[in-house]
Amino acid sequence: PFLAVAPGQSFLFAVAARPGCNIELDSVLKELKEALEWLGAGAKTAAGYGRMTEDEAAKKGLESEHAHQKEILRKREEEMQKKRNMESLPPFERSIAALLAQKPDPNMKDYVLLLKKLDEKHWTDMSEIKAVALKIKELMQSDNAWKEKSSAKKPERDGDHQRTFTVMKYLGQQ
């Protein structure tokens, strides 16, 4: 019997290097592609059987799926790293980080949320209040939003200045 494959069938070729092998896989794939296009595979290649061409649409689909899977793995690793980082924090800092991670508006600045929580009496212990206020000050300074003096005509409308003033009250500096 002579086994045959119907025309138009797809084949998937995978190439991997053995451990310790220092070979360029791109060149191997290039040579394989040329061999299959020019020489074919199987019997009766001289009669035109076994000729193969690359299916660009299928290749793009596989590359897209690979990129998607890679992105899923990257996100999982990122989440695991966040979890490890969170677990390594002291309990009080962990509570602040958890609060920031659950922001209702991702565009809201961290220091705005923390100040809002301070104003809402989320923390009652004076040492925690001062610690949060210091954290807010640090975040505002890193964002160039710490303004002890306002250059606005109406300082009461200068949000950064008003937040700075409020944080200074919590720190006992006003």
N, C-alpha and C. Protein backbone atom coordinates (compact mmCIF):
# COMPACT_ATOMS: atom_id res chain seq x y z
N PRO A 1 0.83 -1.20 0.00
CA PRO A 1 0.00 0.00 0.00
C PRO A 1 0.87 1.26 0.00
N PHE A 2 0.33 2.27 -0.65
CA PHE A 2 1.02 3.56 -0.73
C PHE A 2 0.19 4.57 0.07
N LEU A 3 0.72 4.99 1.20
CA LEU A 3 -0.01 5.94 2.04
C LEU A 3 0.16 7.33 1.48
N ALA A 4 -0.90 8.11 1.52
CA ALA A 4 -0.84 9.47 1.01
C ALA A 4 -1.60 10.40 1.95
N VAL A 5 -1.22 11.65 1.88
CA VAL A 5 -1.89 12.69 2.66
C VAL A 5 -2.64 13.57 1.67
N ALA A 6 -3.88 13.89 2.01
CA ALA A 6 -4.69 14.72 1.12
C ALA A 6 -4.05 16.09 0.93
N PRO A 7 -4.22 16.69 -0.24
CA PRO A 7 -3.65 18.02 -0.49
C PRO A 7 -4.20 19.06 0.50
N GLY A 8 -3.40 20.06 0.81
CA GLY A 8 -3.83 21.16 1.65
C GLY A 8 -3.75 20.90 3.14
N GLN A 9 -3.14 19.80 3.54
CA GLN A 9 -3.02 19.50 4.97
C GLN A 9 -1.92 20.35 5.60
N SER A 10 -2.08 20.63 6.87
CA SER A 10 -1.08 21.44 7.59
C SER A 10 -0.20 20.55 8.45
N PHE A 11 1.05 20.93 8.55
CA PHE A 11 2.00 20.26 9.42
C PHE A 11 2.66 21.32 10.28
N LEU A 12 2.94 20.94 11.51
CA LEU A 12 3.60 21.86 12.43
C LEU A 12 4.96 21.26 12.77
N PHE A 13 6.01 22.00 12.46
CA PHE A 13 7.36 21.56 12.76
C PHE A 13 7.89 22.37 13.93
N ALA A 14 8.48 21.70 14.88
CA ALA A 14 9.08 22.36 16.04
C ALA A 14 10.55 21.99 16.09
N VAL A 15 11.36 22.94 16.44
CA VAL A 15 12.80 22.71 16.52
C VAL A 15 13.27 23.20 17.89
N ALA A 16 14.07 22.39 18.55
CA ALA A 16 14.62 22.77 19.85
C ALA A 16 16.06 22.31 19.93
N ALA A 17 16.87 23.07 20.58
CA ALA A 17 18.28 22.71 20.76
C ALA A 17 18.40 21.77 21.95
N ARG A 18 19.34 20.86 21.87
CA ARG A 18 19.63 19.99 23.00
C ARG A 18 20.38 20.79 24.05
N PRO A 19 20.26 20.39 25.31
CA PRO A 19 21.01 21.11 26.35
C PRO A 19 22.51 21.13 26.04
N GLY A 20 23.09 22.28 26.19
CA GLY A 20 24.51 22.43 25.93
C GLY A 20 24.86 22.67 24.48
N CYS A 21 23.88 22.58 23.59
CA CYS A 21 24.11 22.79 22.17
C CYS A 21 24.10 24.29 21.88
N ASN A 22 25.07 24.74 21.13
CA ASN A 22 25.19 26.17 20.85
C ASN A 22 24.87 26.43 19.38
N ILE A 23 23.64 26.12 18.97
CA ILE A 23 23.25 26.25 17.57
C ILE A 23 22.20 27.36 17.43
N GLU A 24 22.24 28.06 16.33
CA GLU A 24 21.28 29.13 16.06
C GLU A 24 20.01 28.51 15.49
N LEU A 25 18.93 28.53 16.27
CA LEU A 25 17.68 27.90 15.84
C LEU A 25 17.06 28.61 14.65
N ASP A 26 17.27 29.91 14.54
CA ASP A 26 16.72 30.64 13.39
C ASP A 26 17.30 30.11 12.08
N SER A 27 18.60 29.81 12.08
CA SER A 27 19.22 29.29 10.85
C SER A 27 18.73 27.87 10.57
N VAL A 28 18.49 27.09 11.61
CA VAL A 28 17.96 25.73 11.42
C VAL A 28 16.57 25.81 10.79
N LEU A 29 15.73 26.68 11.31
CA LEU A 29 14.38 26.82 10.75
C LEU A 29 14.42 27.32 9.31
N LYS A 30 15.33 28.23 9.02
CA LYS A 30 15.47 28.74 7.65
C LYS A 30 15.85 27.60 6.70
N GLU A 31 16.82 26.79 7.10
CA GLU A 31 17.25 25.67 6.26
C GLU A 31 16.13 24.64 6.09
N LEU A 32 15.41 24.36 7.16
CA LEU A 32 14.29 23.41 7.08
C LEU A 32 13.23 23.92 6.11
N LYS A 33 12.91 25.19 6.21
CA LYS A 33 11.91 25.79 5.31
C LYS A 33 12.36 25.66 3.86
N GLU A 34 13.62 26.01 3.58
CA GLU A 34 14.13 25.91 2.20
C GLU A 34 14.09 24.48 1.70
N ALA A 35 14.48 23.53 2.56
CA ALA A 35 14.50 22.12 2.15
C ALA A 35 13.09 21.63 1.82
N LEU A 36 12.12 22.00 2.65
CA LEU A 36 10.76 21.53 2.40
C LEU A 36 10.14 22.18 1.17
N GLU A 37 10.51 23.45 0.91
CA GLU A 37 9.97 24.12 -0.27
C GLU A 37 10.62 23.61 -1.55
N TRP A 38 11.94 23.38 -1.52
CA TRP A 38 12.65 22.99 -2.73
C TRP A 38 12.67 21.49 -2.96
N LEU A 39 12.85 20.72 -1.91
CA LEU A 39 13.01 19.28 -2.06
C LEU A 39 11.73 18.51 -1.74
N GLY A 40 10.94 19.04 -0.79
CA GLY A 40 9.73 18.35 -0.38
C GLY A 40 10.04 17.31 0.68
N ALA A 41 9.05 16.50 0.99
CA ALA A 41 9.21 15.45 1.99
C ALA A 41 8.45 14.22 1.53
N GLY A 42 8.99 13.07 1.82
CA GLY A 42 8.32 11.82 1.47
C GLY A 42 8.70 11.34 0.09
N ALA A 43 7.91 10.38 -0.42
CA ALA A 43 8.19 9.76 -1.71
C ALA A 43 7.60 10.58 -2.85
N LYS A 44 8.10 10.31 -4.05
CA LYS A 44 7.62 10.89 -5.30
C LYS A 44 7.72 12.42 -5.34
N THR A 45 8.74 12.98 -4.68
CA THR A 45 8.90 14.43 -4.71
C THR A 45 9.25 14.90 -6.12
N ALA A 46 9.88 14.02 -6.90
CA ALA A 46 10.22 14.40 -8.28
C ALA A 46 8.95 14.58 -9.11
N ALA A 47 7.88 13.91 -8.73
CA ALA A 47 6.62 14.02 -9.46
C ALA A 47 5.76 15.16 -8.90
N GLY A 48 6.30 15.90 -7.92
CA GLY A 48 5.57 17.04 -7.39
C GLY A 48 4.88 16.79 -6.07
N TYR A 49 4.97 15.54 -5.59
CA TYR A 49 4.36 15.26 -4.29
C TYR A 49 5.28 15.73 -3.17
N GLY A 50 4.68 16.04 -2.01
CA GLY A 50 5.48 16.37 -0.84
C GLY A 50 6.03 17.78 -0.80
N ARG A 51 5.66 18.59 -1.78
CA ARG A 51 6.12 19.98 -1.75
C ARG A 51 5.38 20.72 -0.65
N MET A 52 6.08 21.56 0.06
CA MET A 52 5.46 22.28 1.17
C MET A 52 5.75 23.76 1.07
N THR A 53 4.78 24.54 1.51
CA THR A 53 4.96 25.99 1.60
C THR A 53 4.53 26.43 3.00
N GLU A 54 5.07 27.54 3.40
CA GLU A 54 4.74 28.05 4.73
C GLU A 54 3.36 28.70 4.71
N ASP A 55 2.56 28.38 5.71
CA ASP A 55 1.23 28.95 5.85
C ASP A 55 1.35 30.18 6.76
N GLU A 56 1.43 31.35 6.14
CA GLU A 56 1.67 32.60 6.89
C GLU A 56 0.55 32.89 7.88
N ALA A 57 -0.70 32.62 7.48
CA ALA A 57 -1.84 32.90 8.37
C ALA A 57 -1.76 32.01 9.62
N ALA A 58 -1.46 30.73 9.42
CA ALA A 58 -1.35 29.82 10.56
C ALA A 58 -0.17 30.21 11.44
N LYS A 59 0.94 30.61 10.80
CA LYS A 59 2.12 31.03 11.55
C LYS A 59 1.81 32.25 12.42
N LYS A 60 1.13 33.22 11.82
CA LYS A 60 0.76 34.43 12.57
C LYS A 60 -0.18 34.09 13.72
N GLY A 61 -1.11 33.17 13.48
CA GLY A 61 -2.02 32.74 14.54
C GLY A 61 -1.28 32.09 15.70
N LEU A 62 -0.32 31.22 15.37
CA LEU A 62 0.48 30.57 16.41
C LEU A 62 1.33 31.59 17.17
N GLU A 63 1.93 32.52 16.43
CA GLU A 63 2.74 33.56 17.09
C GLU A 63 1.87 34.42 18.00
N SER A 64 0.66 34.72 17.55
CA SER A 64 -0.26 35.52 18.36
C SER A 64 -0.65 34.76 19.63
N GLU A 65 -0.95 33.49 19.49
CA GLU A 65 -1.31 32.67 20.66
C GLU A 65 -0.12 32.56 21.62
N HIS A 66 1.07 32.41 21.06
CA HIS A 66 2.28 32.33 21.89
C HIS A 66 2.47 33.64 22.66
N ALA A 67 2.30 34.77 21.98
CA ALA A 67 2.44 36.07 22.64
C ALA A 67 1.38 36.23 23.73
N HIS A 68 0.17 35.76 23.45
CA HIS A 68 -0.91 35.84 24.44
C HIS A 68 -0.57 35.01 25.68
N GLN A 69 -0.10 33.79 25.47
CA GLN A 69 0.27 32.91 26.59
C GLN A 69 1.45 33.51 27.38
N LYS A 70 2.38 34.10 26.66
CA LYS A 70 3.53 34.72 27.31
C LYS A 70 3.08 35.89 28.18
N GLU A 71 2.12 36.66 27.70
CA GLU A 71 1.58 37.80 28.46
C GLU A 71 0.84 37.31 29.71
N ILE A 72 0.11 36.23 29.58
CA ILE A 72 -0.58 35.65 30.74
C ILE A 72 0.43 35.23 31.79
N LEU A 73 1.50 34.56 31.36
CA LEU A 73 2.55 34.15 32.30
C LEU A 73 3.23 35.35 32.94
N ARG A 74 3.47 36.40 32.16
CA ARG A 74 4.10 37.61 32.69
C ARG A 74 3.22 38.24 33.77
N LYS A 75 1.91 38.30 33.49
CA LYS A 75 0.99 38.89 34.46
C LYS A 75 0.91 38.05 35.73
N ARG A 76 0.91 36.72 35.58
CA ARG A 76 0.89 35.85 36.75
C ARG A 76 2.14 36.07 37.60
N GLU A 77 3.30 36.14 36.95
CA GLU A 77 4.55 36.36 37.66
C GLU A 77 4.54 37.71 38.36
N GLU A 78 4.00 38.72 37.68
CA GLU A 78 3.90 40.06 38.27
C GLU A 78 3.01 40.03 39.51
N GLU A 79 1.89 39.31 39.43
CA GLU A 79 0.99 39.19 40.58
C GLU A 79 1.67 38.45 41.73
N MET A 80 2.40 37.39 41.40
CA MET A 80 3.10 36.63 42.44
C MET A 80 4.17 37.50 43.10
N GLN A 81 4.86 38.31 42.30
CA GLN A 81 5.88 39.20 42.86
C GLN A 81 5.25 40.24 43.77
N LYS A 82 4.10 40.79 43.35
CA LYS A 82 3.38 41.75 44.20
C LYS A 82 3.00 41.11 45.52
N LYS A 83 2.53 39.86 45.44
CA LYS A 83 2.12 39.15 46.65
C LYS A 83 3.32 38.92 47.56
N ARG A 84 4.45 38.51 46.98
CA ARG A 84 5.67 38.30 47.79
C ARG A 84 6.12 39.61 48.42
N ASN A 85 6.07 40.70 47.63
CA ASN A 85 6.46 42.01 48.16
C ASN A 85 5.53 42.43 49.31
N MET A 86 4.23 42.20 49.11
CA MET A 86 3.25 42.56 50.13
C MET A 86 3.50 41.78 51.42
N GLU A 87 3.79 40.49 51.29
CA GLU A 87 4.01 39.64 52.46
C GLU A 87 5.28 40.02 53.21
N SER A 88 6.23 40.63 52.52
CA SER A 88 7.49 41.00 53.16
C SER A 88 7.39 42.31 53.94
N LEU A 89 6.29 43.06 53.75
CA LEU A 89 6.13 44.34 54.43
C LEU A 89 5.69 44.15 55.88
N PRO A 90 6.07 45.09 56.74
CA PRO A 90 5.52 45.07 58.10
C PRO A 90 4.00 45.26 58.04
N PRO A 91 3.26 44.79 59.06
CA PRO A 91 1.79 44.83 59.02
C PRO A 91 1.19 46.20 58.70
N PHE A 92 1.70 47.27 59.31
CA PHE A 92 1.12 48.59 59.07
C PHE A 92 1.33 49.02 57.61
N GLU A 93 2.54 48.84 57.10
CA GLU A 93 2.81 49.19 55.70
C GLU A 93 2.02 48.30 54.76
N ARG A 94 1.82 47.05 55.14
CA ARG A 94 1.02 46.13 54.33
C ARG A 94 -0.42 46.64 54.24
N SER A 95 -0.95 47.17 55.34
CA SER A 95 -2.32 47.68 55.32
C SER A 95 -2.44 48.89 54.39
N ILE A 96 -1.41 49.74 54.37
CA ILE A 96 -1.41 50.89 53.47
C ILE A 96 -1.32 50.42 52.02
N ALA A 97 -0.42 49.46 51.77
CA ALA A 97 -0.27 48.94 50.40
C ALA A 97 -1.56 48.28 49.92
N ALA A 98 -2.23 47.55 50.81
CA ALA A 98 -3.50 46.90 50.43
C ALA A 98 -4.57 47.94 50.12
N LEU A 99 -4.59 49.00 50.92
CA LEU A 99 -5.54 50.09 50.68
C LEU A 99 -5.29 50.74 49.31
N LEU A 100 -4.02 50.98 49.00
CA LEU A 100 -3.67 51.59 47.71
C LEU A 100 -3.95 50.66 46.54
N ALA A 101 -3.79 49.36 46.77
CA ALA A 101 -4.03 48.39 45.69
C ALA A 101 -5.51 48.30 45.33
N GLN A 102 -6.38 48.72 46.25
CA GLN A 102 -7.82 48.63 46.01
C GLN A 102 -8.43 50.00 45.70
N LYS A 103 -7.62 50.90 45.13
CA LYS A 103 -8.13 52.23 44.79
C LYS A 103 -9.33 52.13 43.87
N PRO A 104 -10.39 52.88 44.17
CA PRO A 104 -11.56 52.85 43.28
C PRO A 104 -11.28 53.48 41.92
N ASP A 105 -10.39 54.46 41.90
CA ASP A 105 -10.03 55.14 40.65
C ASP A 105 -8.53 54.98 40.44
N PRO A 106 -8.11 54.20 39.44
CA PRO A 106 -6.67 53.97 39.24
C PRO A 106 -5.90 55.25 38.90
N ASN A 107 -6.59 56.28 38.44
CA ASN A 107 -5.91 57.54 38.10
C ASN A 107 -5.70 58.44 39.32
N MET A 108 -6.34 58.10 40.43
CA MET A 108 -6.21 58.89 41.65
C MET A 108 -4.79 58.72 42.20
N LYS A 109 -4.18 59.81 42.57
CA LYS A 109 -2.85 59.76 43.17
C LYS A 109 -2.93 59.06 44.52
N ASP A 110 -1.90 58.28 44.85
CA ASP A 110 -1.88 57.56 46.12
C ASP A 110 -2.01 58.51 47.30
N TYR A 111 -1.31 59.64 47.23
CA TYR A 111 -1.35 60.56 48.36
C TYR A 111 -2.73 61.19 48.54
N VAL A 112 -3.48 61.34 47.47
CA VAL A 112 -4.84 61.88 47.57
C VAL A 112 -5.73 60.89 48.31
N LEU A 113 -5.63 59.61 47.96
CA LEU A 113 -6.43 58.58 48.63
C LEU A 113 -6.05 58.49 50.11
N LEU A 114 -4.76 58.47 50.41
CA LEU A 114 -4.34 58.36 51.80
C LEU A 114 -4.80 59.56 52.63
N LEU A 115 -4.72 60.74 52.05
CA LEU A 115 -5.17 61.94 52.76
C LEU A 115 -6.68 61.89 52.99
N LYS A 116 -7.39 61.40 52.00
CA LYS A 116 -8.84 61.25 52.14
C LYS A 116 -9.16 60.28 53.28
N LYS A 117 -8.42 59.18 53.36
CA LYS A 117 -8.63 58.20 54.43
C LYS A 117 -8.25 58.78 55.79
N LEU A 118 -7.22 59.62 55.83
CA LEU A 118 -6.87 60.30 57.08
C LEU A 118 -8.01 61.20 57.53
N ASP A 119 -8.55 61.96 56.60
CA ASP A 119 -9.66 62.87 56.91
C ASP A 119 -10.91 62.11 57.35
N GLU A 120 -11.07 60.89 56.83
CA GLU A 120 -12.22 60.05 57.20
C GLU A 120 -11.99 59.29 58.51
N LYS A 121 -10.86 59.56 59.16
CA LYS A 121 -10.49 58.90 60.44
C LYS A 121 -10.32 57.39 60.28
N HIS A 122 -9.73 56.98 59.14
CA HIS A 122 -9.46 55.56 58.91
C HIS A 122 -8.48 55.03 59.95
N TRP A 123 -7.55 55.87 60.37
CA TRP A 123 -6.59 55.52 61.42
C TRP A 123 -6.91 56.38 62.64
N THR A 124 -6.84 55.76 63.82
CA THR A 124 -7.14 56.50 65.04
C THR A 124 -5.91 56.63 65.94
N ASP A 125 -4.97 55.71 65.81
CA ASP A 125 -3.76 55.76 66.62
C ASP A 125 -2.86 56.90 66.11
N MET A 126 -2.41 57.75 67.05
CA MET A 126 -1.64 58.94 66.66
C MET A 126 -0.35 58.58 65.94
N SER A 127 0.32 57.49 66.34
CA SER A 127 1.57 57.11 65.68
C SER A 127 1.29 56.66 64.23
N GLU A 128 0.16 55.98 64.03
CA GLU A 128 -0.21 55.57 62.67
C GLU A 128 -0.58 56.79 61.82
N ILE A 129 -1.28 57.74 62.42
CA ILE A 129 -1.67 58.96 61.70
C ILE A 129 -0.42 59.70 61.23
N LYS A 130 0.57 59.82 62.13
CA LYS A 130 1.81 60.52 61.76
C LYS A 130 2.57 59.73 60.69
N ALA A 131 2.57 58.40 60.81
CA ALA A 131 3.26 57.57 59.82
C ALA A 131 2.63 57.73 58.44
N VAL A 132 1.29 57.76 58.40
CA VAL A 132 0.59 57.94 57.12
C VAL A 132 0.86 59.34 56.58
N ALA A 133 0.85 60.33 57.45
CA ALA A 133 1.12 61.70 57.02
C ALA A 133 2.53 61.82 56.44
N LEU A 134 3.49 61.15 57.07
CA LEU A 134 4.86 61.16 56.53
C LEU A 134 4.92 60.47 55.16
N LYS A 135 4.17 59.39 55.03
CA LYS A 135 4.10 58.68 53.74
C LYS A 135 3.51 59.60 52.67
N ILE A 136 2.46 60.32 53.03
CA ILE A 136 1.82 61.26 52.09
C ILE A 136 2.82 62.34 51.69
N LYS A 137 3.53 62.88 52.67
CA LYS A 137 4.53 63.92 52.38
C LYS A 137 5.59 63.39 51.42
N GLU A 138 6.06 62.18 51.68
CA GLU A 138 7.08 61.56 50.81
C GLU A 138 6.54 61.39 49.38
N LEU A 139 5.31 60.91 49.25
CA LEU A 139 4.70 60.71 47.93
C LEU A 139 4.50 62.04 47.21
N MET A 140 4.05 63.04 47.95
CA MET A 140 3.84 64.35 47.33
C MET A 140 5.16 64.97 46.89
N GLN A 141 6.19 64.82 47.71
CA GLN A 141 7.50 65.37 47.33
C GLN A 141 8.05 64.67 46.10
N SER A 142 7.87 63.36 46.02
CA SER A 142 8.38 62.64 44.84
C SER A 142 7.60 63.00 43.59
N ASP A 143 6.38 63.48 43.76
CA ASP A 143 5.53 63.88 42.63
C ASP A 143 5.57 65.40 42.40
N ASN A 144 6.48 66.09 43.11
CA ASN A 144 6.60 67.56 43.03
C ASN A 144 5.28 68.26 43.32
N ALA A 145 4.52 67.71 44.27
CA ALA A 145 3.23 68.29 44.62
C ALA A 145 3.26 68.90 46.03
N TRP A 146 4.39 68.85 46.70
CA TRP A 146 4.50 69.41 48.05
C TRP A 146 4.75 70.90 47.92
N LYS A 147 3.76 71.71 48.32
CA LYS A 147 3.86 73.18 48.20
C LYS A 147 3.52 73.82 49.54
N GLU A 148 4.56 74.24 50.24
CA GLU A 148 4.32 74.91 51.51
C GLU A 148 3.82 76.33 51.29
N LYS A 149 4.20 76.92 50.17
CA LYS A 149 3.74 78.26 49.82
C LYS A 149 3.10 78.18 48.44
N SER A 150 2.01 78.91 48.29
CA SER A 150 1.30 78.91 47.02
C SER A 150 1.61 80.18 46.24
N SER A 151 1.78 80.03 44.95
CA SER A 151 1.99 81.20 44.09
C SER A 151 0.67 81.62 43.43
N ALA A 152 -0.41 80.93 43.77
CA ALA A 152 -1.72 81.25 43.19
C ALA A 152 -2.30 82.50 43.84
N LYS A 153 -3.11 83.22 43.09
CA LYS A 153 -3.76 84.41 43.63
C LYS A 153 -4.69 84.04 44.78
N LYS A 154 -5.33 82.88 44.63
CA LYS A 154 -6.21 82.39 45.69
C LYS A 154 -5.66 81.05 46.18
N PRO A 155 -4.80 81.08 47.19
CA PRO A 155 -4.19 79.85 47.70
C PRO A 155 -5.19 78.78 48.12
N GLU A 156 -6.39 79.22 48.51
CA GLU A 156 -7.40 78.23 48.93
C GLU A 156 -7.88 77.36 47.77
N ARG A 157 -7.57 77.79 46.55
CA ARG A 157 -7.95 77.00 45.36
C ARG A 157 -6.78 76.19 44.81
N ASP A 158 -5.62 76.30 45.43
CA ASP A 158 -4.43 75.55 45.02
C ASP A 158 -4.46 74.21 45.75
N GLY A 159 -4.87 73.16 45.03
CA GLY A 159 -5.05 71.84 45.63
C GLY A 159 -3.80 71.29 46.29
N ASP A 160 -2.66 71.38 45.61
CA ASP A 160 -1.42 70.87 46.19
C ASP A 160 -1.07 71.62 47.47
N HIS A 161 -1.23 72.93 47.46
CA HIS A 161 -0.93 73.73 48.65
C HIS A 161 -1.86 73.35 49.80
N GLN A 162 -3.14 73.17 49.50
CA GLN A 162 -4.10 72.82 50.54
C GLN A 162 -3.80 71.44 51.12
N ARG A 163 -3.43 70.49 50.25
CA ARG A 163 -3.08 69.15 50.73
C ARG A 163 -1.82 69.23 51.60
N THR A 164 -0.84 70.01 51.16
CA THR A 164 0.40 70.17 51.94
C THR A 164 0.07 70.74 53.32
N PHE A 165 -0.77 71.75 53.34
CA PHE A 165 -1.16 72.41 54.58
C PHE A 165 -1.85 71.39 55.51
N THR A 166 -2.74 70.57 54.95
CA THR A 166 -3.46 69.56 55.75
C THR A 166 -2.49 68.53 56.31
N VAL A 167 -1.56 68.06 55.49
CA VAL A 167 -0.58 67.06 55.95
C VAL A 167 0.29 67.66 57.05
N MET A 168 0.66 68.91 56.90
CA MET A 168 1.48 69.56 57.91
C MET A 168 0.72 69.64 59.25
N LYS A 169 -0.59 69.80 59.20
CA LYS A 169 -1.40 69.79 60.43
C LYS A 169 -1.31 68.41 61.10
N TYR A 170 -1.45 67.35 60.29
CA TYR A 170 -1.38 66.00 60.84
C TYR A 170 0.01 65.73 61.43
N LEU A 171 1.03 66.32 60.85
CA LEU A 171 2.40 66.14 61.36
C LEU A 171 2.70 67.06 62.55
N GLY A 172 1.76 67.94 62.86
CA GLY A 172 1.95 68.86 63.97
C GLY A 172 2.88 70.00 63.63
N GLN A 173 3.01 70.32 62.35
CA GLN A 173 3.89 71.40 61.92
C GLN A 173 3.11 72.69 61.67
N GLN A 174 1.82 72.70 61.87
CA GLN A 174 1.00 73.90 61.66
C GLN A 174 0.16 74.15 62.88
